Amino acid sequence: MISARLAELGITLPSANPPIANYVPFIQTGNILVISGQLCLDGGLLRPEHTGKLGESVSEKDGYGASRLCAINLLAQAQNATQDLTRIVRCLRLGGFVNCLPSFLSLPAVMNGASDLMVAILGDNGRHARTTVGVAQLPLNAAIEIEAMFEVA
């Protein structure tokens, strides 16, 4: 089902991005798969429109797109971890970090880029708990970073 939905949406999962510091990209314990924060990398690179701060050099629309890219990269890591996306039962949680000015108030709308994609791919099993926070900076000056927790079979 997940592969079919990705195809319907015209999404090809990229290769999983390697960690950029001293951590592992995922950990599974029991039926819980935790994916480390994924940046809005496209082909291993940040697009100019996804670099910098929301409310300054990155628009809300581009932030939404960056959040969607993070979700695609989360699914690529899940594919790397499980070797079979059909093992994903549901998305339990997304945690979003938005590189933004203190005055930027549209954090939830930006994070919806990832949330909307999870629901589009997993249906009701894509509905999840969520935290979204604004931060002063992110690695590589990325606009967005998102971590995830999935239930797997």
N, C-alpha and C. Protein backbone atom coordinates (compact mmCIF):
# COMPACT_ATOMS: atom_id res chain seq x y z
N MET A 1 0.81 -1.19 0.00
CA MET A 1 0.00 0.00 0.00
C MET A 1 0.87 1.27 0.00
N ILE A 2 1.91 1.31 0.84
CA ILE A 2 2.73 2.51 0.92
C ILE A 2 3.43 2.76 -0.41
N SER A 3 3.99 1.72 -1.00
CA SER A 3 4.68 1.89 -2.29
C SER A 3 3.71 2.36 -3.36
N ALA A 4 2.49 1.83 -3.35
CA ALA A 4 1.48 2.25 -4.33
C ALA A 4 1.10 3.70 -4.12
N ARG A 5 0.91 4.12 -2.89
CA ARG A 5 0.56 5.53 -2.61
C ARG A 5 1.70 6.46 -3.02
N LEU A 6 2.94 6.06 -2.73
CA LEU A 6 4.09 6.87 -3.17
C LEU A 6 4.08 7.03 -4.68
N ALA A 7 3.85 5.94 -5.40
CA ALA A 7 3.81 5.99 -6.86
C ALA A 7 2.68 6.89 -7.35
N GLU A 8 1.50 6.78 -6.74
CA GLU A 8 0.35 7.62 -7.12
C GLU A 8 0.67 9.10 -6.92
N LEU A 9 1.44 9.40 -5.89
CA LEU A 9 1.80 10.78 -5.59
C LEU A 9 3.04 11.24 -6.37
N GLY A 10 3.62 10.33 -7.18
CA GLY A 10 4.79 10.69 -7.98
C GLY A 10 6.06 10.84 -7.16
N ILE A 11 6.12 10.13 -6.03
CA ILE A 11 7.28 10.23 -5.14
C ILE A 11 8.15 8.99 -5.27
N THR A 12 9.42 9.20 -5.55
CA THR A 12 10.41 8.14 -5.52
C THR A 12 11.29 8.41 -4.31
N LEU A 13 11.37 7.46 -3.41
CA LEU A 13 12.20 7.67 -2.22
C LEU A 13 13.67 7.73 -2.60
N PRO A 14 14.38 8.70 -2.06
CA PRO A 14 15.83 8.78 -2.30
C PRO A 14 16.55 7.74 -1.45
N SER A 15 17.85 7.62 -1.66
CA SER A 15 18.66 6.83 -0.74
C SER A 15 18.64 7.54 0.60
N ALA A 16 18.69 6.76 1.66
CA ALA A 16 18.70 7.33 3.01
C ALA A 16 19.96 8.18 3.19
N ASN A 17 19.79 9.37 3.76
CA ASN A 17 20.92 10.25 4.03
C ASN A 17 21.75 9.70 5.19
N PRO A 18 23.07 9.71 5.06
CA PRO A 18 23.91 9.25 6.18
C PRO A 18 23.92 10.31 7.29
N PRO A 19 24.17 9.90 8.52
CA PRO A 19 24.28 10.88 9.62
C PRO A 19 25.40 11.86 9.34
N ILE A 20 25.22 13.10 9.83
CA ILE A 20 26.27 14.11 9.63
C ILE A 20 27.06 14.35 10.91
N ALA A 21 26.83 13.52 11.94
CA ALA A 21 27.56 13.64 13.20
C ALA A 21 27.57 12.26 13.87
N ASN A 22 27.86 12.21 15.15
CA ASN A 22 28.02 10.95 15.87
C ASN A 22 26.68 10.45 16.43
N TYR A 23 25.88 9.88 15.55
CA TYR A 23 24.60 9.28 15.94
C TYR A 23 24.22 8.27 14.87
N VAL A 24 23.22 7.46 15.17
CA VAL A 24 22.72 6.48 14.20
C VAL A 24 21.44 7.04 13.57
N PRO A 25 21.17 6.66 12.32
CA PRO A 25 20.00 7.21 11.65
C PRO A 25 18.67 6.68 12.17
N PHE A 26 18.69 5.51 12.81
CA PHE A 26 17.47 4.93 13.37
C PHE A 26 17.82 3.92 14.44
N ILE A 27 16.85 3.67 15.29
CA ILE A 27 16.94 2.60 16.30
C ILE A 27 15.58 1.94 16.38
N GLN A 28 15.59 0.62 16.41
CA GLN A 28 14.35 -0.11 16.61
C GLN A 28 14.44 -0.86 17.92
N THR A 29 13.40 -0.75 18.72
CA THR A 29 13.27 -1.54 19.93
C THR A 29 11.86 -2.10 19.94
N GLY A 30 11.76 -3.42 19.97
CA GLY A 30 10.45 -4.05 19.86
C GLY A 30 9.81 -3.65 18.54
N ASN A 31 8.58 -3.17 18.63
CA ASN A 31 7.88 -2.77 17.40
C ASN A 31 7.87 -1.25 17.21
N ILE A 32 8.80 -0.56 17.87
CA ILE A 32 8.92 0.89 17.73
C ILE A 32 10.20 1.22 16.96
N LEU A 33 10.04 1.98 15.89
CA LEU A 33 11.16 2.44 15.07
C LEU A 33 11.27 3.95 15.25
N VAL A 34 12.42 4.39 15.75
CA VAL A 34 12.68 5.82 15.95
C VAL A 34 13.67 6.26 14.88
N ILE A 35 13.27 7.28 14.13
CA ILE A 35 14.13 7.82 13.07
C ILE A 35 14.72 9.14 13.56
N SER A 36 16.03 9.27 13.48
CA SER A 36 16.70 10.52 13.85
C SER A 36 16.22 11.65 12.95
N GLY A 37 16.39 12.86 13.43
CA GLY A 37 15.97 14.04 12.67
C GLY A 37 16.52 14.04 11.26
N GLN A 38 15.63 14.30 10.32
CA GLN A 38 16.01 14.38 8.91
C GLN A 38 15.87 15.82 8.44
N LEU A 39 16.87 16.28 7.74
CA LEU A 39 16.85 17.62 7.18
C LEU A 39 16.08 17.61 5.85
N CYS A 40 15.82 18.78 5.33
CA CYS A 40 15.09 18.93 4.07
C CYS A 40 16.06 18.84 2.89
N LEU A 41 16.83 17.76 2.88
CA LEU A 41 17.80 17.54 1.80
C LEU A 41 17.09 16.97 0.58
N ASP A 42 17.52 17.41 -0.58
CA ASP A 42 17.00 16.92 -1.85
C ASP A 42 18.21 16.46 -2.65
N GLY A 43 18.33 15.15 -2.82
CA GLY A 43 19.51 14.63 -3.50
C GLY A 43 20.78 14.87 -2.70
N GLY A 44 20.65 14.90 -1.38
CA GLY A 44 21.79 15.11 -0.50
C GLY A 44 22.18 16.57 -0.31
N LEU A 45 21.44 17.48 -0.95
CA LEU A 45 21.76 18.91 -0.88
C LEU A 45 20.55 19.71 -0.41
N LEU A 46 20.82 20.87 0.18
CA LEU A 46 19.75 21.80 0.52
C LEU A 46 19.45 22.70 -0.67
N ARG A 47 18.20 22.83 -1.03
CA ARG A 47 17.81 23.79 -2.04
C ARG A 47 17.96 25.18 -1.44
N PRO A 48 18.27 26.18 -2.25
CA PRO A 48 18.39 27.55 -1.72
C PRO A 48 17.14 28.02 -0.98
N GLU A 49 15.95 27.64 -1.49
CA GLU A 49 14.70 28.07 -0.86
C GLU A 49 14.41 27.36 0.46
N HIS A 50 15.21 26.36 0.80
CA HIS A 50 15.04 25.62 2.06
C HIS A 50 16.21 25.88 3.01
N THR A 51 16.97 26.92 2.73
CA THR A 51 18.13 27.27 3.53
C THR A 51 17.87 28.61 4.22
N GLY A 52 18.05 28.63 5.53
CA GLY A 52 17.86 29.87 6.27
C GLY A 52 16.66 29.83 7.18
N LYS A 53 16.20 31.00 7.57
CA LYS A 53 15.16 31.13 8.59
C LYS A 53 13.79 31.44 7.99
N LEU A 54 12.78 30.77 8.54
CA LEU A 54 11.40 31.12 8.23
C LEU A 54 11.14 32.50 8.82
N GLY A 55 10.43 33.31 8.08
CA GLY A 55 10.16 34.67 8.53
C GLY A 55 11.26 35.64 8.12
N GLU A 56 12.27 35.12 7.45
CA GLU A 56 13.37 35.96 6.97
C GLU A 56 13.61 35.62 5.50
N SER A 57 14.46 34.62 5.23
CA SER A 57 14.79 34.27 3.85
C SER A 57 13.96 33.11 3.30
N VAL A 58 13.19 32.41 4.16
CA VAL A 58 12.39 31.26 3.72
C VAL A 58 10.91 31.59 3.94
N SER A 59 10.12 31.44 2.88
CA SER A 59 8.69 31.74 2.96
C SER A 59 7.95 30.58 3.64
N GLU A 60 6.74 30.86 4.07
CA GLU A 60 5.90 29.81 4.67
C GLU A 60 5.64 28.68 3.66
N LYS A 61 5.39 29.05 2.40
CA LYS A 61 5.17 28.05 1.35
C LYS A 61 6.41 27.17 1.18
N ASP A 62 7.59 27.78 1.13
CA ASP A 62 8.81 27.00 0.99
C ASP A 62 9.09 26.17 2.24
N GLY A 63 8.70 26.68 3.40
CA GLY A 63 8.82 25.91 4.64
C GLY A 63 7.96 24.66 4.60
N TYR A 64 6.75 24.79 4.07
CA TYR A 64 5.86 23.65 3.91
C TYR A 64 6.52 22.60 3.00
N GLY A 65 7.10 23.06 1.90
CA GLY A 65 7.80 22.14 0.98
C GLY A 65 9.01 21.50 1.63
N ALA A 66 9.73 22.25 2.46
CA ALA A 66 10.88 21.70 3.17
C ALA A 66 10.43 20.63 4.16
N SER A 67 9.33 20.88 4.82
CA SER A 67 8.78 19.91 5.77
C SER A 67 8.37 18.62 5.05
N ARG A 68 7.79 18.77 3.87
CA ARG A 68 7.40 17.61 3.06
C ARG A 68 8.64 16.80 2.67
N LEU A 69 9.72 17.50 2.29
CA LEU A 69 10.97 16.81 1.95
C LEU A 69 11.52 16.05 3.16
N CYS A 70 11.42 16.64 4.34
CA CYS A 70 11.85 15.93 5.55
C CYS A 70 11.07 14.63 5.70
N ALA A 71 9.76 14.68 5.46
CA ALA A 71 8.93 13.48 5.58
C ALA A 71 9.35 12.42 4.57
N ILE A 72 9.68 12.84 3.36
CA ILE A 72 10.16 11.89 2.35
C ILE A 72 11.46 11.25 2.84
N ASN A 73 12.34 12.05 3.42
CA ASN A 73 13.60 11.51 3.94
C ASN A 73 13.38 10.61 5.15
N LEU A 74 12.37 10.90 5.95
CA LEU A 74 12.02 9.99 7.06
C LEU A 74 11.59 8.63 6.52
N LEU A 75 10.78 8.65 5.47
CA LEU A 75 10.34 7.38 4.87
C LEU A 75 11.50 6.64 4.22
N ALA A 76 12.46 7.37 3.66
CA ALA A 76 13.65 6.72 3.09
C ALA A 76 14.44 6.03 4.20
N GLN A 77 14.55 6.68 5.36
CA GLN A 77 15.24 6.04 6.49
C GLN A 77 14.44 4.84 6.99
N ALA A 78 13.11 4.95 7.01
CA ALA A 78 12.28 3.81 7.43
C ALA A 78 12.47 2.65 6.47
N GLN A 79 12.57 2.94 5.17
CA GLN A 79 12.85 1.89 4.17
C GLN A 79 14.20 1.25 4.45
N ASN A 80 15.19 2.08 4.75
CA ASN A 80 16.53 1.59 5.06
C ASN A 80 16.50 0.69 6.31
N ALA A 81 15.72 1.09 7.29
CA ALA A 81 15.65 0.35 8.56
C ALA A 81 14.89 -0.97 8.42
N THR A 82 13.79 -0.95 7.71
CA THR A 82 12.90 -2.12 7.66
C THR A 82 13.13 -3.00 6.45
N GLN A 83 13.74 -2.45 5.40
CA GLN A 83 13.91 -3.12 4.11
C GLN A 83 12.57 -3.43 3.43
N ASP A 84 11.45 -3.02 4.05
CA ASP A 84 10.13 -3.31 3.49
C ASP A 84 9.12 -2.36 4.12
N LEU A 85 8.70 -1.35 3.38
CA LEU A 85 7.78 -0.35 3.94
C LEU A 85 6.44 -0.92 4.36
N THR A 86 6.10 -2.12 3.88
CA THR A 86 4.84 -2.72 4.32
C THR A 86 4.89 -3.08 5.81
N ARG A 87 6.06 -3.06 6.40
CA ARG A 87 6.18 -3.32 7.84
C ARG A 87 5.71 -2.13 8.68
N ILE A 88 5.58 -0.96 8.08
CA ILE A 88 5.11 0.20 8.84
C ILE A 88 3.62 0.05 9.11
N VAL A 89 3.27 0.02 10.38
CA VAL A 89 1.88 -0.09 10.79
C VAL A 89 1.24 1.29 10.87
N ARG A 90 1.95 2.22 11.51
CA ARG A 90 1.43 3.58 11.64
C ARG A 90 2.53 4.55 12.03
N CYS A 91 2.29 5.81 11.75
CA CYS A 91 3.16 6.88 12.22
C CYS A 91 2.64 7.29 13.60
N LEU A 92 3.48 7.15 14.61
CA LEU A 92 3.07 7.47 15.97
C LEU A 92 3.31 8.93 16.32
N ARG A 93 4.44 9.48 15.87
CA ARG A 93 4.82 10.82 16.30
C ARG A 93 5.76 11.46 15.30
N LEU A 94 5.60 12.77 15.10
CA LEU A 94 6.57 13.59 14.38
C LEU A 94 7.00 14.71 15.32
N GLY A 95 8.27 15.00 15.33
CA GLY A 95 8.80 16.12 16.09
C GLY A 95 9.50 17.06 15.12
N GLY A 96 9.00 18.28 15.03
CA GLY A 96 9.54 19.23 14.05
C GLY A 96 10.29 20.37 14.69
N PHE A 97 11.38 20.74 14.06
CA PHE A 97 12.22 21.87 14.48
C PHE A 97 12.28 22.84 13.31
N VAL A 98 11.85 24.06 13.54
CA VAL A 98 11.77 25.06 12.49
C VAL A 98 12.78 26.17 12.79
N ASN A 99 13.73 26.36 11.89
CA ASN A 99 14.72 27.43 11.99
C ASN A 99 13.98 28.72 11.64
N CYS A 100 13.72 29.56 12.66
CA CYS A 100 12.88 30.73 12.39
C CYS A 100 13.21 31.92 13.28
N LEU A 101 12.72 33.06 12.85
CA LEU A 101 12.79 34.26 13.67
C LEU A 101 11.82 34.10 14.84
N PRO A 102 12.10 34.71 15.99
CA PRO A 102 11.18 34.61 17.12
C PRO A 102 9.77 35.10 16.80
N SER A 103 9.65 35.99 15.84
CA SER A 103 8.34 36.55 15.48
C SER A 103 7.55 35.67 14.51
N PHE A 104 8.14 34.58 14.00
CA PHE A 104 7.44 33.72 13.04
C PHE A 104 6.41 32.87 13.78
N LEU A 105 5.15 33.01 13.41
CA LEU A 105 4.06 32.36 14.15
C LEU A 105 3.38 31.21 13.41
N SER A 106 3.83 30.87 12.23
CA SER A 106 3.15 29.86 11.42
C SER A 106 3.80 28.49 11.50
N LEU A 107 4.36 28.15 12.66
CA LEU A 107 5.01 26.85 12.82
C LEU A 107 4.08 25.69 12.47
N PRO A 108 2.83 25.67 12.98
CA PRO A 108 1.96 24.53 12.66
C PRO A 108 1.70 24.39 11.16
N ALA A 109 1.50 25.50 10.47
CA ALA A 109 1.22 25.44 9.03
C ALA A 109 2.42 24.88 8.26
N VAL A 110 3.62 25.26 8.68
CA VAL A 110 4.83 24.76 8.03
C VAL A 110 4.97 23.25 8.28
N MET A 111 4.75 22.82 9.52
CA MET A 111 4.88 21.40 9.88
C MET A 111 3.84 20.53 9.18
N ASN A 112 2.75 21.14 8.74
CA ASN A 112 1.73 20.38 8.03
C ASN A 112 2.26 19.76 6.74
N GLY A 113 3.35 20.28 6.19
CA GLY A 113 3.94 19.66 5.00
C GLY A 113 4.28 18.21 5.25
N ALA A 114 4.82 17.91 6.42
CA ALA A 114 5.15 16.52 6.78
C ALA A 114 3.90 15.76 7.21
N SER A 115 3.08 16.39 8.03
CA SER A 115 1.88 15.71 8.52
C SER A 115 0.94 15.35 7.38
N ASP A 116 0.72 16.29 6.46
CA ASP A 116 -0.17 16.03 5.33
C ASP A 116 0.34 14.87 4.48
N LEU A 117 1.66 14.79 4.31
CA LEU A 117 2.22 13.70 3.50
C LEU A 117 2.04 12.35 4.20
N MET A 118 2.26 12.31 5.51
CA MET A 118 2.08 11.04 6.23
C MET A 118 0.64 10.55 6.09
N VAL A 119 -0.33 11.45 6.20
CA VAL A 119 -1.73 11.07 6.06
C VAL A 119 -2.03 10.67 4.62
N ALA A 120 -1.47 11.37 3.65
CA ALA A 120 -1.69 11.02 2.24
C ALA A 120 -1.16 9.63 1.92
N ILE A 121 -0.08 9.24 2.57
CA ILE A 121 0.53 7.94 2.29
C ILE A 121 -0.06 6.82 3.14
N LEU A 122 -0.29 7.09 4.42
CA LEU A 122 -0.73 6.04 5.35
C LEU A 122 -2.22 6.10 5.70
N GLY A 123 -2.94 7.07 5.17
CA GLY A 123 -4.35 7.22 5.54
C GLY A 123 -4.48 7.53 7.02
N ASP A 124 -5.51 6.98 7.66
CA ASP A 124 -5.72 7.23 9.09
C ASP A 124 -4.53 6.77 9.93
N ASN A 125 -3.79 5.79 9.46
CA ASN A 125 -2.60 5.33 10.20
C ASN A 125 -1.44 6.33 10.10
N GLY A 126 -1.61 7.36 9.31
CA GLY A 126 -0.63 8.43 9.22
C GLY A 126 -0.89 9.56 10.20
N ARG A 127 -2.06 9.54 10.86
CA ARG A 127 -2.36 10.56 11.87
C ARG A 127 -1.51 10.27 13.10
N HIS A 128 -0.92 11.30 13.66
CA HIS A 128 0.13 11.10 14.64
C HIS A 128 0.10 12.19 15.71
N ALA A 129 0.76 11.90 16.82
CA ALA A 129 1.06 12.94 17.81
C ALA A 129 2.17 13.80 17.22
N ARG A 130 2.24 15.07 17.67
CA ARG A 130 3.21 15.95 17.03
C ARG A 130 3.66 17.06 17.97
N THR A 131 4.91 17.42 17.83
CA THR A 131 5.47 18.59 18.50
C THR A 131 6.17 19.42 17.43
N THR A 132 5.99 20.73 17.50
CA THR A 132 6.67 21.63 16.58
C THR A 132 7.23 22.79 17.39
N VAL A 133 8.51 23.02 17.26
CA VAL A 133 9.14 24.12 18.00
C VAL A 133 10.00 24.96 17.05
N GLY A 134 10.07 26.23 17.37
CA GLY A 134 10.97 27.13 16.65
C GLY A 134 12.33 27.11 17.31
N VAL A 135 13.38 27.12 16.50
CA VAL A 135 14.74 27.07 17.03
C VAL A 135 15.60 28.16 16.38
N ALA A 136 16.71 28.48 17.04
CA ALA A 136 17.60 29.54 16.57
C ALA A 136 18.44 29.13 15.38
N GLN A 137 18.76 27.82 15.28
CA GLN A 137 19.55 27.36 14.13
C GLN A 137 19.45 25.85 14.02
N LEU A 138 19.73 25.34 12.82
CA LEU A 138 19.74 23.91 12.54
C LEU A 138 21.01 23.56 11.76
N PRO A 139 21.40 22.29 11.74
CA PRO A 139 22.58 21.89 10.98
C PRO A 139 22.47 22.33 9.51
N LEU A 140 23.58 22.75 8.96
CA LEU A 140 23.71 23.18 7.56
C LEU A 140 22.84 24.39 7.23
N ASN A 141 22.32 25.07 8.25
CA ASN A 141 21.41 26.19 8.09
C ASN A 141 20.11 25.77 7.40
N ALA A 142 19.71 24.51 7.62
CA ALA A 142 18.45 24.00 7.05
C ALA A 142 17.27 24.73 7.68
N ALA A 143 16.20 24.87 6.91
CA ALA A 143 14.99 25.53 7.41
C ALA A 143 14.22 24.62 8.37
N ILE A 144 14.26 23.31 8.13
CA ILE A 144 13.44 22.36 8.89
C ILE A 144 14.24 21.10 9.18
N GLU A 145 13.97 20.51 10.34
CA GLU A 145 14.44 19.16 10.68
C GLU A 145 13.28 18.45 11.38
N ILE A 146 13.03 17.20 11.00
CA ILE A 146 11.93 16.45 11.60
C ILE A 146 12.38 15.05 11.96
N GLU A 147 11.98 14.61 13.16
CA GLU A 147 12.22 13.25 13.62
C GLU A 147 10.89 12.50 13.66
N ALA A 148 10.95 11.17 13.70
CA ALA A 148 9.70 10.40 13.65
C ALA A 148 9.80 9.14 14.51
N MET A 149 8.62 8.66 14.85
CA MET A 149 8.48 7.38 15.54
C MET A 149 7.36 6.62 14.83
N PHE A 150 7.67 5.39 14.41
CA PHE A 150 6.72 4.53 13.72
C PHE A 150 6.50 3.25 14.51
N GLU A 151 5.30 2.70 14.40
CA GLU A 151 5.05 1.34 14.84
C GLU A 151 5.29 0.45 13.64
N VAL A 152 6.05 -0.63 13.83
CA VAL A 152 6.35 -1.56 12.75
C VAL A 152 5.95 -2.97 13.15
N ALA A 153 5.69 -3.78 12.14
CA ALA A 153 5.32 -5.19 12.37
C ALA A 153 6.56 -6.05 12.32
